[in-house]
Amino acid sequence: MHKKQTSKYCHFCVNNISDIDYKNWQQLKRFTSSYGKIVPKRRNGVCSKHQRKMAQAIKRARFMALLPYVAK
């Protein structure tokens, strides 16, 4: 079984993005699975600080109906 290569560096740290906005649903959709679940940090290569901020932003976007809770 082959492991999928993950990025060694955090996407937000490398691009110097300090604020993760819940209204930017196109960026947040990149960090959700095909079923709409939040992808763990070991798979998407994001650091712990940004993973927590990203999870909070995804939850806010779901509440505001910008992202679906469950994708079909």
N, C-alpha and C. Protein backbone atom coordinates (compact mmCIF):
# COMPACT_ATOMS: atom_id res chain seq x y z
N MET A 1 0.84 -1.17 0.00
CA MET A 1 0.00 0.00 0.00
C MET A 1 0.89 1.24 0.00
N HIS A 2 0.64 2.14 -0.92
CA HIS A 2 1.44 3.35 -1.04
C HIS A 2 0.79 4.49 -0.28
N LYS A 3 1.63 5.24 0.43
CA LYS A 3 1.12 6.42 1.12
C LYS A 3 1.11 7.59 0.15
N LYS A 4 0.09 8.43 0.29
CA LYS A 4 0.01 9.62 -0.54
C LYS A 4 0.99 10.66 -0.01
N GLN A 5 1.77 11.25 -0.89
CA GLN A 5 2.73 12.27 -0.49
C GLN A 5 1.99 13.52 -0.02
N THR A 6 2.38 14.04 1.12
CA THR A 6 1.79 15.26 1.63
C THR A 6 2.82 16.37 1.57
N SER A 7 2.34 17.58 1.57
CA SER A 7 3.23 18.73 1.55
C SER A 7 4.00 18.80 2.86
N LYS A 8 5.26 19.14 2.78
CA LYS A 8 6.09 19.21 3.97
C LYS A 8 5.85 20.49 4.75
N TYR A 9 5.36 21.52 4.07
CA TYR A 9 5.18 22.82 4.69
C TYR A 9 3.71 23.22 4.71
N CYS A 10 3.37 24.02 5.69
CA CYS A 10 2.00 24.50 5.85
C CYS A 10 1.69 25.49 4.72
N HIS A 11 0.54 25.31 4.07
CA HIS A 11 0.12 26.18 2.97
C HIS A 11 -0.04 27.62 3.43
N PHE A 12 -0.57 27.82 4.63
CA PHE A 12 -0.83 29.16 5.14
C PHE A 12 0.46 29.85 5.61
N CYS A 13 1.39 29.09 6.19
CA CYS A 13 2.65 29.67 6.64
C CYS A 13 3.53 30.06 5.45
N VAL A 14 3.58 29.22 4.44
CA VAL A 14 4.42 29.48 3.27
C VAL A 14 3.92 30.71 2.51
N ASN A 15 2.61 30.84 2.36
CA ASN A 15 2.03 31.97 1.62
C ASN A 15 1.77 33.18 2.50
N ASN A 16 2.19 33.12 3.76
CA ASN A 16 2.06 34.22 4.72
C ASN A 16 0.61 34.68 4.87
N ILE A 17 -0.31 33.71 5.01
CA ILE A 17 -1.72 33.99 5.22
C ILE A 17 -1.98 33.87 6.72
N SER A 18 -2.30 34.98 7.36
CA SER A 18 -2.50 34.95 8.81
C SER A 18 -3.97 34.78 9.18
N ASP A 19 -4.88 35.29 8.35
CA ASP A 19 -6.30 35.24 8.66
C ASP A 19 -7.01 34.31 7.70
N ILE A 20 -7.68 33.30 8.23
CA ILE A 20 -8.45 32.38 7.42
C ILE A 20 -9.91 32.81 7.51
N ASP A 21 -10.47 33.25 6.40
CA ASP A 21 -11.81 33.83 6.39
C ASP A 21 -12.84 32.77 6.01
N TYR A 22 -13.94 32.71 6.75
CA TYR A 22 -14.98 31.73 6.48
C TYR A 22 -15.75 32.07 5.20
N LYS A 23 -15.67 33.32 4.73
CA LYS A 23 -16.39 33.72 3.52
C LYS A 23 -15.66 33.28 2.25
N ASN A 24 -14.41 32.88 2.37
CA ASN A 24 -13.64 32.39 1.22
C ASN A 24 -13.85 30.87 1.12
N TRP A 25 -15.03 30.47 0.67
CA TRP A 25 -15.39 29.06 0.67
C TRP A 25 -14.62 28.27 -0.38
N GLN A 26 -14.12 28.92 -1.44
CA GLN A 26 -13.35 28.20 -2.45
C GLN A 26 -12.05 27.66 -1.85
N GLN A 27 -11.42 28.45 -0.99
CA GLN A 27 -10.18 28.01 -0.35
C GLN A 27 -10.47 26.93 0.69
N LEU A 28 -11.56 27.09 1.44
CA LEU A 28 -11.89 26.12 2.48
C LEU A 28 -12.31 24.77 1.90
N LYS A 29 -12.93 24.80 0.72
CA LYS A 29 -13.37 23.55 0.09
C LYS A 29 -12.19 22.64 -0.24
N ARG A 30 -11.03 23.24 -0.43
CA ARG A 30 -9.81 22.48 -0.72
C ARG A 30 -9.42 21.57 0.45
N PHE A 31 -9.80 21.96 1.66
CA PHE A 31 -9.42 21.23 2.87
C PHE A 31 -10.55 20.36 3.40
N THR A 32 -11.53 20.04 2.56
CA THR A 32 -12.59 19.11 2.93
C THR A 32 -12.54 17.91 2.00
N SER A 33 -13.03 16.78 2.48
CA SER A 33 -13.03 15.57 1.67
C SER A 33 -14.19 15.61 0.67
N SER A 34 -14.28 14.59 -0.15
CA SER A 34 -15.37 14.53 -1.12
C SER A 34 -16.72 14.35 -0.43
N TYR A 35 -16.71 13.89 0.81
CA TYR A 35 -17.94 13.74 1.58
C TYR A 35 -18.27 14.99 2.40
N GLY A 36 -17.40 16.00 2.35
CA GLY A 36 -17.64 17.24 3.08
C GLY A 36 -17.03 17.28 4.46
N LYS A 37 -16.25 16.27 4.83
CA LYS A 37 -15.63 16.25 6.15
C LYS A 37 -14.31 17.02 6.13
N ILE A 38 -13.91 17.52 7.29
CA ILE A 38 -12.65 18.25 7.42
C ILE A 38 -11.50 17.24 7.37
N VAL A 39 -10.55 17.49 6.48
CA VAL A 39 -9.42 16.58 6.30
C VAL A 39 -8.43 16.79 7.45
N PRO A 40 -7.90 15.72 8.05
CA PRO A 40 -6.95 15.87 9.16
C PRO A 40 -5.63 16.49 8.69
N LYS A 41 -4.92 17.07 9.63
CA LYS A 41 -3.69 17.80 9.29
C LYS A 41 -2.59 16.89 8.78
N ARG A 42 -2.60 15.63 9.13
CA ARG A 42 -1.56 14.72 8.62
C ARG A 42 -1.75 14.45 7.13
N ARG A 43 -2.96 14.68 6.60
CA ARG A 43 -3.20 14.49 5.17
C ARG A 43 -3.04 15.76 4.35
N ASN A 44 -3.38 16.92 4.93
CA ASN A 44 -3.31 18.13 4.13
C ASN A 44 -2.05 18.95 4.39
N GLY A 45 -1.23 18.59 5.38
CA GLY A 45 0.06 19.24 5.60
C GLY A 45 -0.01 20.60 6.24
N VAL A 46 -1.09 20.91 6.94
CA VAL A 46 -1.25 22.21 7.60
C VAL A 46 -0.76 22.09 9.04
N CYS A 47 -0.14 23.16 9.57
CA CYS A 47 0.33 23.14 10.95
C CYS A 47 -0.85 23.17 11.92
N SER A 48 -0.59 22.89 13.18
CA SER A 48 -1.65 22.78 14.19
C SER A 48 -2.43 24.07 14.37
N LYS A 49 -1.72 25.19 14.40
CA LYS A 49 -2.36 26.48 14.60
C LYS A 49 -3.35 26.79 13.48
N HIS A 50 -2.92 26.58 12.25
CA HIS A 50 -3.79 26.87 11.12
C HIS A 50 -4.87 25.81 10.93
N GLN A 51 -4.62 24.58 11.37
CA GLN A 51 -5.65 23.54 11.30
C GLN A 51 -6.83 23.92 12.20
N ARG A 52 -6.54 24.43 13.40
CA ARG A 52 -7.62 24.85 14.31
C ARG A 52 -8.40 26.02 13.74
N LYS A 53 -7.68 27.01 13.19
CA LYS A 53 -8.35 28.16 12.58
C LYS A 53 -9.17 27.75 11.37
N MET A 54 -8.62 26.83 10.58
CA MET A 54 -9.32 26.37 9.39
C MET A 54 -10.57 25.59 9.75
N ALA A 55 -10.49 24.74 10.77
CA ALA A 55 -11.66 23.97 11.21
C ALA A 55 -12.76 24.90 11.70
N GLN A 56 -12.39 25.93 12.45
CA GLN A 56 -13.37 26.90 12.94
C GLN A 56 -14.01 27.66 11.77
N ALA A 57 -13.21 28.02 10.77
CA ALA A 57 -13.74 28.73 9.60
C ALA A 57 -14.67 27.84 8.79
N ILE A 58 -14.34 26.55 8.66
CA ILE A 58 -15.21 25.62 7.93
C ILE A 58 -16.53 25.46 8.66
N LYS A 59 -16.49 25.36 9.99
CA LYS A 59 -17.73 25.23 10.77
C LYS A 59 -18.59 26.47 10.65
N ARG A 60 -17.97 27.65 10.63
CA ARG A 60 -18.73 28.89 10.45
C ARG A 60 -19.33 28.96 9.06
N ALA A 61 -18.57 28.54 8.04
CA ALA A 61 -19.07 28.56 6.67
C ALA A 61 -20.23 27.58 6.51
N ARG A 62 -20.18 26.46 7.18
CA ARG A 62 -21.31 25.51 7.15
C ARG A 62 -22.55 26.12 7.78
N PHE A 63 -22.37 26.80 8.91
CA PHE A 63 -23.49 27.41 9.62
C PHE A 63 -24.13 28.51 8.77
N MET A 64 -23.32 29.24 8.01
CA MET A 64 -23.82 30.31 7.15
C MET A 64 -24.27 29.78 5.78
N ALA A 65 -24.25 28.47 5.58
CA ALA A 65 -24.69 27.79 4.35
C ALA A 65 -23.80 28.12 3.15
N LEU A 66 -22.52 28.40 3.39
CA LEU A 66 -21.57 28.60 2.30
C LEU A 66 -20.94 27.27 1.88
N LEU A 67 -20.84 26.35 2.83
CA LEU A 67 -20.35 24.99 2.56
C LEU A 67 -21.40 24.00 3.03
N PRO A 68 -21.54 22.87 2.34
CA PRO A 68 -22.52 21.87 2.80
C PRO A 68 -21.98 21.07 3.99
N TYR A 69 -22.89 20.62 4.84
CA TYR A 69 -22.50 19.74 5.94
C TYR A 69 -22.11 18.37 5.39
N VAL A 70 -22.88 17.88 4.43
CA VAL A 70 -22.63 16.58 3.81
C VAL A 70 -22.71 16.77 2.31
N ALA A 71 -21.67 16.35 1.59
CA ALA A 71 -21.67 16.43 0.13
C ALA A 71 -22.16 15.11 -0.43
N LYS A 72 -22.82 15.18 -1.55
CA LYS A 72 -23.35 13.95 -2.17
C LYS A 72 -22.41 13.45 -3.23
